Amino acid sequence: MPGPVFLRGEDVTLHPQGEDDVEFLQRLINHPDVWPSLANAEPLSEAEEREWLEDTDSDSVDLLVCADGEPVGTIGLSGFNETWGVAELGYMIDPASQGNGYATDAARRLVRYAFEDRRLHKVIANVYESNPASQHVLEAVGFQQEGVLREQAYVRGERVDVIRYGLLASECDNS
């Protein structure tokens, strides 16, 4: 059962991740349709996922994405640069729950938090060119493509470009 609600989107709620979420988080990050879209190519044990959860600190905001009270994914901000006012957005949604707008709703709400509550100036995100669904999420939230890191990543036996996106506070739709 997810912990207390931290942020509310239109269709999702965002909750701090806790000990009770380890099984879901481990299953999600090891899912064969999820891990290739991340910068992670090794399976994670339950102990490793628990250790990661225990080691998260104030340098990141890591939230469970829930729909109808059930976890459907994760979303977070990391790499905070307080001097520049920048952080990086990352998310993953369980394949069984993809296509319902959960990532878009969660991303829209979290970037509002970044700008309104954390007073950031910019949120960035990096996406593999082979992940058009994630590109669509970012573009639906208002992110702009800023550049391409050519053949930056190695995914399932081939080099792929990494597309860099950015969203400025002045571009955020605060509705």
N, C-alpha and C. Protein backbone atom coordinates (compact mmCIF):
# COMPACT_ATOMS: atom_id res chain seq x y z
N MET A 1 0.84 -1.17 0.00
CA MET A 1 0.00 0.00 0.00
C MET A 1 0.89 1.24 0.00
N PRO A 2 0.70 2.14 -0.94
CA PRO A 2 1.54 3.34 -1.00
C PRO A 2 1.42 4.18 0.27
N GLY A 3 2.48 4.92 0.56
CA GLY A 3 2.47 5.83 1.69
C GLY A 3 1.60 7.05 1.40
N PRO A 4 1.80 8.12 2.16
CA PRO A 4 0.95 9.30 2.03
C PRO A 4 1.14 9.98 0.67
N VAL A 5 0.09 10.66 0.24
CA VAL A 5 0.15 11.41 -1.01
C VAL A 5 1.04 12.64 -0.81
N PHE A 6 1.99 12.85 -1.73
CA PHE A 6 2.84 14.04 -1.70
C PHE A 6 2.34 15.08 -2.71
N LEU A 7 1.99 14.63 -3.92
CA LEU A 7 1.46 15.51 -4.96
C LEU A 7 0.29 14.82 -5.64
N ARG A 8 -0.66 15.62 -6.13
CA ARG A 8 -1.81 15.08 -6.86
C ARG A 8 -1.79 15.62 -8.29
N GLY A 9 -1.90 14.69 -9.23
CA GLY A 9 -2.12 15.07 -10.62
C GLY A 9 -3.60 14.95 -10.90
N GLU A 10 -3.97 14.98 -12.16
CA GLU A 10 -5.38 14.81 -12.51
C GLU A 10 -5.83 13.36 -12.34
N ASP A 11 -4.99 12.42 -12.78
CA ASP A 11 -5.35 11.00 -12.74
C ASP A 11 -4.43 10.16 -11.87
N VAL A 12 -3.35 10.75 -11.39
CA VAL A 12 -2.39 10.00 -10.57
C VAL A 12 -2.11 10.75 -9.28
N THR A 13 -1.60 10.01 -8.31
CA THR A 13 -1.06 10.60 -7.10
C THR A 13 0.41 10.18 -7.02
N LEU A 14 1.21 11.04 -6.43
CA LEU A 14 2.64 10.79 -6.29
C LEU A 14 2.97 10.66 -4.80
N HIS A 15 3.63 9.56 -4.45
CA HIS A 15 3.88 9.21 -3.05
C HIS A 15 5.38 9.01 -2.83
N PRO A 16 5.89 9.34 -1.64
CA PRO A 16 7.28 8.97 -1.33
C PRO A 16 7.42 7.45 -1.41
N GLN A 17 8.57 7.01 -1.89
CA GLN A 17 8.82 5.58 -1.97
C GLN A 17 9.25 5.05 -0.61
N GLY A 18 8.74 3.88 -0.24
CA GLY A 18 9.07 3.30 1.05
C GLY A 18 9.40 1.84 0.96
N GLU A 19 9.70 1.27 2.11
CA GLU A 19 10.08 -0.13 2.22
C GLU A 19 9.04 -1.06 1.58
N ASP A 20 7.77 -0.74 1.74
CA ASP A 20 6.71 -1.59 1.19
C ASP A 20 6.69 -1.58 -0.34
N ASP A 21 7.41 -0.66 -0.98
CA ASP A 21 7.40 -0.54 -2.43
C ASP A 21 8.54 -1.28 -3.10
N VAL A 22 9.45 -1.85 -2.32
CA VAL A 22 10.66 -2.48 -2.88
C VAL A 22 10.31 -3.57 -3.88
N GLU A 23 9.38 -4.43 -3.56
CA GLU A 23 9.04 -5.52 -4.48
C GLU A 23 8.55 -4.97 -5.83
N PHE A 24 7.65 -3.99 -5.79
CA PHE A 24 7.17 -3.38 -7.03
C PHE A 24 8.31 -2.72 -7.79
N LEU A 25 9.16 -1.95 -7.09
CA LEU A 25 10.26 -1.24 -7.74
C LEU A 25 11.24 -2.21 -8.39
N GLN A 26 11.55 -3.30 -7.70
CA GLN A 26 12.48 -4.29 -8.26
C GLN A 26 11.87 -4.96 -9.48
N ARG A 27 10.60 -5.31 -9.39
CA ARG A 27 9.93 -5.94 -10.54
C ARG A 27 9.90 -4.98 -11.74
N LEU A 28 9.64 -3.70 -11.48
CA LEU A 28 9.55 -2.71 -12.55
C LEU A 28 10.90 -2.50 -13.23
N ILE A 29 11.94 -2.27 -12.46
CA ILE A 29 13.24 -1.95 -13.06
C ILE A 29 13.86 -3.16 -13.77
N ASN A 30 13.43 -4.37 -13.40
CA ASN A 30 13.94 -5.57 -14.07
C ASN A 30 13.05 -6.04 -15.21
N HIS A 31 11.94 -5.36 -15.45
CA HIS A 31 11.01 -5.78 -16.51
C HIS A 31 11.73 -5.71 -17.86
N PRO A 32 11.63 -6.74 -18.70
CA PRO A 32 12.35 -6.76 -19.98
C PRO A 32 11.94 -5.65 -20.95
N ASP A 33 10.78 -5.03 -20.74
CA ASP A 33 10.38 -3.91 -21.59
C ASP A 33 10.70 -2.56 -20.97
N VAL A 34 11.26 -2.56 -19.75
CA VAL A 34 11.58 -1.31 -19.06
C VAL A 34 13.08 -1.05 -19.02
N TRP A 35 13.86 -2.01 -18.52
CA TRP A 35 15.28 -1.73 -18.30
C TRP A 35 16.04 -1.31 -19.56
N PRO A 36 15.68 -1.79 -20.76
CA PRO A 36 16.44 -1.30 -21.93
C PRO A 36 16.26 0.19 -22.20
N SER A 37 15.21 0.81 -21.63
CA SER A 37 15.01 2.24 -21.84
C SER A 37 15.73 3.08 -20.80
N LEU A 38 16.43 2.42 -19.88
CA LEU A 38 17.16 3.09 -18.82
C LEU A 38 18.65 2.92 -19.04
N ALA A 39 19.42 3.66 -18.32
CA ALA A 39 20.87 3.51 -18.39
C ALA A 39 21.29 2.40 -17.43
N ASN A 40 20.66 1.25 -17.54
CA ASN A 40 20.89 0.13 -16.64
C ASN A 40 20.79 -1.15 -17.45
N ALA A 41 21.83 -1.96 -17.40
CA ALA A 41 21.81 -3.20 -18.18
C ALA A 41 22.03 -4.42 -17.31
N GLU A 42 21.98 -4.25 -15.99
CA GLU A 42 22.20 -5.38 -15.10
C GLU A 42 20.96 -5.58 -14.23
N PRO A 43 20.61 -6.84 -13.97
CA PRO A 43 19.46 -7.09 -13.10
C PRO A 43 19.76 -6.64 -11.67
N LEU A 44 18.72 -6.17 -10.99
CA LEU A 44 18.87 -5.75 -9.60
C LEU A 44 18.12 -6.70 -8.70
N SER A 45 18.81 -7.16 -7.65
CA SER A 45 18.18 -8.03 -6.67
C SER A 45 17.31 -7.19 -5.75
N GLU A 46 16.49 -7.87 -4.97
CA GLU A 46 15.66 -7.15 -4.00
C GLU A 46 16.55 -6.40 -3.00
N ALA A 47 17.63 -7.03 -2.58
CA ALA A 47 18.55 -6.38 -1.64
C ALA A 47 19.17 -5.12 -2.25
N GLU A 48 19.56 -5.19 -3.53
CA GLU A 48 20.14 -4.01 -4.19
C GLU A 48 19.11 -2.90 -4.33
N GLU A 49 17.88 -3.25 -4.65
CA GLU A 49 16.83 -2.24 -4.76
C GLU A 49 16.55 -1.62 -3.39
N ARG A 50 16.54 -2.43 -2.36
CA ARG A 50 16.34 -1.92 -0.99
C ARG A 50 17.48 -0.99 -0.60
N GLU A 51 18.71 -1.37 -0.94
CA GLU A 51 19.87 -0.54 -0.64
C GLU A 51 19.78 0.80 -1.37
N TRP A 52 19.37 0.77 -2.66
CA TRP A 52 19.21 2.01 -3.42
C TRP A 52 18.18 2.90 -2.73
N LEU A 53 17.07 2.32 -2.32
CA LEU A 53 16.00 3.07 -1.68
C LEU A 53 16.50 3.69 -0.36
N GLU A 54 17.27 2.94 0.39
CA GLU A 54 17.80 3.45 1.66
C GLU A 54 18.85 4.53 1.46
N ASP A 55 19.57 4.48 0.33
CA ASP A 55 20.64 5.44 0.07
C ASP A 55 20.17 6.72 -0.61
N THR A 56 18.92 6.78 -1.05
CA THR A 56 18.44 8.02 -1.66
C THR A 56 18.49 9.11 -0.60
N ASP A 57 18.87 10.28 -1.05
CA ASP A 57 19.04 11.37 -0.09
C ASP A 57 18.40 12.65 -0.63
N SER A 58 18.76 13.76 -0.05
CA SER A 58 18.14 15.03 -0.43
C SER A 58 18.56 15.49 -1.83
N ASP A 59 19.45 14.77 -2.47
CA ASP A 59 19.87 15.15 -3.83
C ASP A 59 18.91 14.66 -4.89
N SER A 60 17.82 14.01 -4.47
CA SER A 60 16.84 13.56 -5.44
C SER A 60 15.45 13.55 -4.80
N VAL A 61 14.45 13.59 -5.66
CA VAL A 61 13.06 13.44 -5.26
C VAL A 61 12.56 12.23 -6.01
N ASP A 62 12.27 11.15 -5.31
CA ASP A 62 11.87 9.89 -5.93
C ASP A 62 10.48 9.53 -5.45
N LEU A 63 9.54 9.44 -6.39
CA LEU A 63 8.14 9.24 -6.04
C LEU A 63 7.53 8.05 -6.77
N LEU A 64 6.61 7.42 -6.11
CA LEU A 64 5.83 6.34 -6.68
C LEU A 64 4.63 6.96 -7.38
N VAL A 65 4.37 6.54 -8.61
CA VAL A 65 3.20 7.01 -9.36
C VAL A 65 2.09 5.99 -9.13
N CYS A 66 0.95 6.48 -8.64
CA CYS A 66 -0.18 5.58 -8.36
C CYS A 66 -1.42 6.04 -9.11
N ALA A 67 -2.19 5.07 -9.57
CA ALA A 67 -3.50 5.31 -10.19
C ALA A 67 -4.50 4.45 -9.45
N ASP A 68 -5.57 5.05 -9.02
CA ASP A 68 -6.60 4.33 -8.25
C ASP A 68 -5.99 3.62 -7.04
N GLY A 69 -5.00 4.27 -6.42
CA GLY A 69 -4.40 3.73 -5.20
C GLY A 69 -3.37 2.64 -5.40
N GLU A 70 -3.11 2.25 -6.65
CA GLU A 70 -2.15 1.18 -6.93
C GLU A 70 -0.93 1.73 -7.67
N PRO A 71 0.28 1.24 -7.34
CA PRO A 71 1.47 1.72 -8.03
C PRO A 71 1.49 1.32 -9.50
N VAL A 72 1.82 2.28 -10.36
CA VAL A 72 1.94 2.02 -11.79
C VAL A 72 3.30 2.42 -12.33
N GLY A 73 4.13 3.09 -11.51
CA GLY A 73 5.44 3.51 -11.98
C GLY A 73 6.15 4.38 -10.97
N THR A 74 7.22 4.98 -11.44
CA THR A 74 8.00 5.90 -10.61
C THR A 74 8.34 7.14 -11.43
N ILE A 75 8.64 8.20 -10.71
CA ILE A 75 9.07 9.45 -11.34
C ILE A 75 9.96 10.17 -10.35
N GLY A 76 10.90 10.95 -10.86
CA GLY A 76 11.77 11.65 -9.94
C GLY A 76 12.54 12.79 -10.59
N LEU A 77 13.12 13.58 -9.72
CA LEU A 77 14.04 14.64 -10.10
C LEU A 77 15.37 14.34 -9.44
N SER A 78 16.46 14.48 -10.19
CA SER A 78 17.79 14.21 -9.65
C SER A 78 18.78 15.19 -10.24
N GLY A 79 20.01 15.10 -9.77
CA GLY A 79 21.07 15.95 -10.30
C GLY A 79 20.81 17.43 -10.08
N PHE A 80 20.24 17.77 -8.93
CA PHE A 80 19.93 19.18 -8.65
C PHE A 80 21.20 20.01 -8.69
N ASN A 81 21.16 21.08 -9.45
CA ASN A 81 22.22 22.08 -9.44
C ASN A 81 21.58 23.37 -8.96
N GLU A 82 21.71 23.62 -7.67
CA GLU A 82 21.07 24.79 -7.07
C GLU A 82 21.62 26.10 -7.62
N THR A 83 22.90 26.12 -8.00
CA THR A 83 23.49 27.33 -8.55
C THR A 83 22.84 27.70 -9.87
N TRP A 84 22.63 26.72 -10.72
CA TRP A 84 22.03 26.97 -12.03
C TRP A 84 20.51 26.88 -12.00
N GLY A 85 19.96 26.23 -10.97
CA GLY A 85 18.51 26.05 -10.89
C GLY A 85 18.01 25.00 -11.87
N VAL A 86 18.74 23.88 -11.96
CA VAL A 86 18.43 22.83 -12.93
C VAL A 86 18.38 21.48 -12.23
N ALA A 87 17.46 20.61 -12.70
CA ALA A 87 17.42 19.22 -12.26
C ALA A 87 16.97 18.37 -13.45
N GLU A 88 17.18 17.06 -13.34
CA GLU A 88 16.82 16.13 -14.41
C GLU A 88 15.60 15.31 -14.02
N LEU A 89 14.67 15.18 -14.95
CA LEU A 89 13.46 14.39 -14.78
C LEU A 89 13.67 12.98 -15.32
N GLY A 90 13.19 12.00 -14.59
CA GLY A 90 13.21 10.62 -15.06
C GLY A 90 11.95 9.91 -14.60
N TYR A 91 11.49 8.94 -15.38
CA TYR A 91 10.27 8.21 -15.03
C TYR A 91 10.26 6.87 -15.72
N MET A 92 9.46 5.96 -15.16
CA MET A 92 9.20 4.67 -15.80
C MET A 92 7.82 4.20 -15.34
N ILE A 93 7.07 3.69 -16.28
CA ILE A 93 5.72 3.21 -16.01
C ILE A 93 5.66 1.73 -16.37
N ASP A 94 5.00 0.96 -15.53
CA ASP A 94 4.83 -0.46 -15.78
C ASP A 94 4.19 -0.66 -17.16
N PRO A 95 4.74 -1.52 -17.99
CA PRO A 95 4.18 -1.72 -19.33
C PRO A 95 2.68 -2.04 -19.33
N ALA A 96 2.18 -2.72 -18.30
CA ALA A 96 0.75 -3.03 -18.24
C ALA A 96 -0.10 -1.78 -18.04
N SER A 97 0.52 -0.68 -17.61
CA SER A 97 -0.20 0.56 -17.34
C SER A 97 0.14 1.67 -18.33
N GLN A 98 1.00 1.38 -19.29
CA GLN A 98 1.37 2.40 -20.28
C GLN A 98 0.20 2.69 -21.21
N GLY A 99 0.21 3.88 -21.78
CA GLY A 99 -0.82 4.27 -22.73
C GLY A 99 -2.05 4.88 -22.09
N ASN A 100 -2.01 5.10 -20.77
CA ASN A 100 -3.14 5.68 -20.06
C ASN A 100 -2.92 7.14 -19.68
N GLY A 101 -1.79 7.71 -20.07
CA GLY A 101 -1.51 9.11 -19.74
C GLY A 101 -0.91 9.31 -18.36
N TYR A 102 -0.56 8.23 -17.67
CA TYR A 102 -0.03 8.35 -16.32
C TYR A 102 1.32 9.07 -16.28
N ALA A 103 2.22 8.74 -17.21
CA ALA A 103 3.54 9.39 -17.23
C ALA A 103 3.39 10.88 -17.53
N THR A 104 2.52 11.23 -18.46
CA THR A 104 2.32 12.64 -18.81
C THR A 104 1.75 13.40 -17.62
N ASP A 105 0.74 12.85 -16.97
CA ASP A 105 0.12 13.49 -15.82
C ASP A 105 1.15 13.66 -14.69
N ALA A 106 1.90 12.61 -14.40
CA ALA A 106 2.89 12.67 -13.34
C ALA A 106 4.00 13.67 -13.67
N ALA A 107 4.48 13.66 -14.92
CA ALA A 107 5.54 14.59 -15.32
C ALA A 107 5.05 16.03 -15.25
N ARG A 108 3.86 16.27 -15.72
CA ARG A 108 3.30 17.62 -15.67
C ARG A 108 3.24 18.12 -14.22
N ARG A 109 2.79 17.27 -13.32
CA ARG A 109 2.67 17.68 -11.92
C ARG A 109 4.04 17.86 -11.26
N LEU A 110 4.99 16.98 -11.58
CA LEU A 110 6.30 17.07 -10.94
C LEU A 110 7.08 18.29 -11.44
N VAL A 111 6.96 18.64 -12.71
CA VAL A 111 7.68 19.85 -13.17
C VAL A 111 7.05 21.10 -12.56
N ARG A 112 5.75 21.09 -12.35
CA ARG A 112 5.13 22.23 -11.65
C ARG A 112 5.72 22.35 -10.24
N TYR A 113 5.86 21.23 -9.57
CA TYR A 113 6.50 21.21 -8.25
C TYR A 113 7.93 21.77 -8.35
N ALA A 114 8.67 21.34 -9.36
CA ALA A 114 10.05 21.80 -9.53
C ALA A 114 10.13 23.32 -9.66
N PHE A 115 9.22 23.88 -10.44
CA PHE A 115 9.26 25.32 -10.68
C PHE A 115 8.62 26.13 -9.54
N GLU A 116 7.48 25.67 -9.05
CA GLU A 116 6.75 26.44 -8.04
C GLU A 116 7.31 26.26 -6.63
N ASP A 117 7.69 25.04 -6.27
CA ASP A 117 8.09 24.77 -4.90
C ASP A 117 9.60 24.69 -4.70
N ARG A 118 10.32 24.26 -5.72
CA ARG A 118 11.78 24.16 -5.61
C ARG A 118 12.48 25.36 -6.26
N ARG A 119 11.70 26.22 -6.90
CA ARG A 119 12.19 27.44 -7.55
C ARG A 119 13.29 27.16 -8.58
N LEU A 120 13.15 26.04 -9.29
CA LEU A 120 14.09 25.74 -10.36
C LEU A 120 13.79 26.61 -11.57
N HIS A 121 14.80 26.79 -12.39
CA HIS A 121 14.66 27.55 -13.63
C HIS A 121 14.42 26.63 -14.82
N LYS A 122 14.97 25.40 -14.73
CA LYS A 122 14.92 24.49 -15.88
C LYS A 122 14.90 23.04 -15.41
N VAL A 123 14.15 22.23 -16.13
CA VAL A 123 14.17 20.78 -15.93
C VAL A 123 14.60 20.16 -17.25
N ILE A 124 15.53 19.23 -17.19
CA ILE A 124 16.01 18.55 -18.39
C ILE A 124 15.60 17.08 -18.35
N ALA A 125 15.68 16.43 -19.49
CA ALA A 125 15.42 14.99 -19.58
C ALA A 125 16.19 14.44 -20.77
N ASN A 126 16.65 13.22 -20.65
CA ASN A 126 17.36 12.53 -21.73
C ASN A 126 16.58 11.29 -22.12
N VAL A 127 16.40 11.08 -23.41
CA VAL A 127 15.58 9.97 -23.91
C VAL A 127 16.30 9.31 -25.08
N TYR A 128 16.27 7.98 -25.10
CA TYR A 128 16.81 7.27 -26.25
C TYR A 128 15.94 7.54 -27.47
N GLU A 129 16.58 7.66 -28.62
CA GLU A 129 15.82 7.86 -29.86
C GLU A 129 14.88 6.69 -30.13
N SER A 130 15.20 5.56 -29.57
CA SER A 130 14.39 4.35 -29.77
C SER A 130 13.19 4.29 -28.82
N ASN A 131 12.91 5.39 -28.11
CA ASN A 131 11.80 5.43 -27.17
C ASN A 131 10.85 6.58 -27.52
N PRO A 132 10.11 6.46 -28.62
CA PRO A 132 9.22 7.56 -29.03
C PRO A 132 8.10 7.84 -28.04
N ALA A 133 7.67 6.84 -27.27
CA ALA A 133 6.61 7.08 -26.29
C ALA A 133 7.08 8.06 -25.22
N SER A 134 8.31 7.92 -24.79
CA SER A 134 8.85 8.85 -23.79
C SER A 134 9.04 10.25 -24.38
N GLN A 135 9.45 10.30 -25.63
CA GLN A 135 9.57 11.60 -26.30
C GLN A 135 8.21 12.29 -26.35
N HIS A 136 7.17 11.51 -26.63
CA HIS A 136 5.81 12.05 -26.69
C HIS A 136 5.38 12.61 -25.33
N VAL A 137 5.71 11.91 -24.26
CA VAL A 137 5.38 12.39 -22.91
C VAL A 137 6.00 13.77 -22.69
N LEU A 138 7.29 13.88 -22.96
CA LEU A 138 7.98 15.15 -22.72
C LEU A 138 7.40 16.27 -23.58
N GLU A 139 7.15 15.99 -24.83
CA GLU A 139 6.60 17.02 -25.72
C GLU A 139 5.20 17.42 -25.29
N ALA A 140 4.40 16.48 -24.78
CA ALA A 140 3.05 16.80 -24.31
C ALA A 140 3.09 17.71 -23.08
N VAL A 141 4.15 17.61 -22.29
CA VAL A 141 4.30 18.45 -21.11
C VAL A 141 4.87 19.82 -21.48
N GLY A 142 5.45 19.94 -22.68
CA GLY A 142 5.98 21.23 -23.13
C GLY A 142 7.48 21.29 -23.30
N PHE A 143 8.17 20.16 -23.06
CA PHE A 143 9.63 20.14 -23.24
C PHE A 143 9.98 20.38 -24.70
N GLN A 144 11.12 21.01 -24.89
CA GLN A 144 11.65 21.27 -26.22
C GLN A 144 12.91 20.42 -26.43
N GLN A 145 13.06 19.90 -27.64
CA GLN A 145 14.29 19.18 -27.95
C GLN A 145 15.42 20.19 -28.04
N GLU A 146 16.51 19.91 -27.33
CA GLU A 146 17.64 20.84 -27.30
C GLU A 146 18.86 20.34 -28.05
N GLY A 147 18.93 19.05 -28.26
CA GLY A 147 20.08 18.53 -28.95
C GLY A 147 20.08 17.02 -28.99
N VAL A 148 21.03 16.48 -29.71
CA VAL A 148 21.16 15.04 -29.85
C VAL A 148 22.60 14.65 -29.54
N LEU A 149 22.74 13.69 -28.65
CA LEU A 149 24.04 13.11 -28.35
C LEU A 149 24.15 11.87 -29.23
N ARG A 150 24.88 12.02 -30.31
CA ARG A 150 24.93 10.98 -31.33
C ARG A 150 25.59 9.71 -30.81
N GLU A 151 24.89 8.57 -31.03
CA GLU A 151 25.38 7.25 -30.64
C GLU A 151 25.93 7.23 -29.22
N GLN A 152 25.28 7.93 -28.32
CA GLN A 152 25.73 8.06 -26.93
C GLN A 152 25.51 6.79 -26.12
N ALA A 153 24.45 6.05 -26.44
CA ALA A 153 24.08 4.89 -25.63
C ALA A 153 24.22 3.60 -26.43
N TYR A 154 24.33 2.52 -25.70
CA TYR A 154 24.39 1.19 -26.29
C TYR A 154 23.21 0.41 -25.74
N VAL A 155 22.23 0.11 -26.58
CA VAL A 155 20.99 -0.51 -26.15
C VAL A 155 20.72 -1.75 -27.00
N ARG A 156 20.66 -2.88 -26.34
CA ARG A 156 20.33 -4.14 -27.00
C ARG A 156 21.10 -4.37 -28.29
N GLY A 157 22.40 -4.18 -28.20
CA GLY A 157 23.27 -4.53 -29.30
C GLY A 157 23.51 -3.46 -30.35
N GLU A 158 22.98 -2.26 -30.13
CA GLU A 158 23.24 -1.21 -31.11
C GLU A 158 23.41 0.15 -30.45
N ARG A 159 24.16 0.99 -31.11
CA ARG A 159 24.36 2.36 -30.66
C ARG A 159 23.12 3.18 -31.01
N VAL A 160 22.65 3.97 -30.05
CA VAL A 160 21.49 4.83 -30.30
C VAL A 160 21.80 6.24 -29.84
N ASP A 161 21.13 7.19 -30.48
CA ASP A 161 21.26 8.59 -30.08
C ASP A 161 20.47 8.83 -28.79
N VAL A 162 20.94 9.76 -28.00
CA VAL A 162 20.22 10.23 -26.83
C VAL A 162 19.75 11.64 -27.14
N ILE A 163 18.47 11.86 -27.01
CA ILE A 163 17.89 13.17 -27.30
C ILE A 163 17.75 13.92 -25.98
N ARG A 164 18.27 15.15 -25.97
CA ARG A 164 18.21 16.00 -24.78
C ARG A 164 17.03 16.94 -24.90
N TYR A 165 16.18 16.97 -23.87
CA TYR A 165 15.03 17.86 -23.81
C TYR A 165 15.19 18.82 -22.64
N GLY A 166 14.57 19.98 -22.75
CA GLY A 166 14.57 20.94 -21.66
C GLY A 166 13.26 21.70 -21.60
N LEU A 167 12.91 22.10 -20.39
CA LEU A 167 11.72 22.91 -20.17
C LEU A 167 12.09 24.01 -19.19
N LEU A 168 11.85 25.26 -19.58
CA LEU A 168 12.12 26.41 -18.72
C LEU A 168 10.86 26.71 -17.91
N ALA A 169 11.07 27.28 -16.74
CA ALA A 169 9.95 27.66 -15.88
C ALA A 169 8.98 28.57 -16.62
N SER A 170 9.50 29.47 -17.44
CA SER A 170 8.63 30.41 -18.17
C SER A 170 7.80 29.73 -19.24
N GLU A 171 8.15 28.50 -19.60
CA GLU A 171 7.42 27.75 -20.63
C GLU A 171 6.40 26.78 -20.03
N CYS A 172 6.44 26.63 -18.73
CA CYS A 172 5.58 25.63 -18.08
C CYS A 172 4.15 26.11 -18.05
N ASP A 173 3.25 25.23 -18.44
CA ASP A 173 1.82 25.49 -18.36
C ASP A 173 1.40 25.21 -16.92
N ASN A 174 1.08 26.23 -16.18
CA ASN A 174 0.77 26.08 -14.75
C ASN A 174 -0.69 25.76 -14.49
N SER A 175 -1.39 25.24 -15.49
CA SER A 175 -2.80 24.91 -15.25
C SER A 175 -2.96 23.65 -14.44
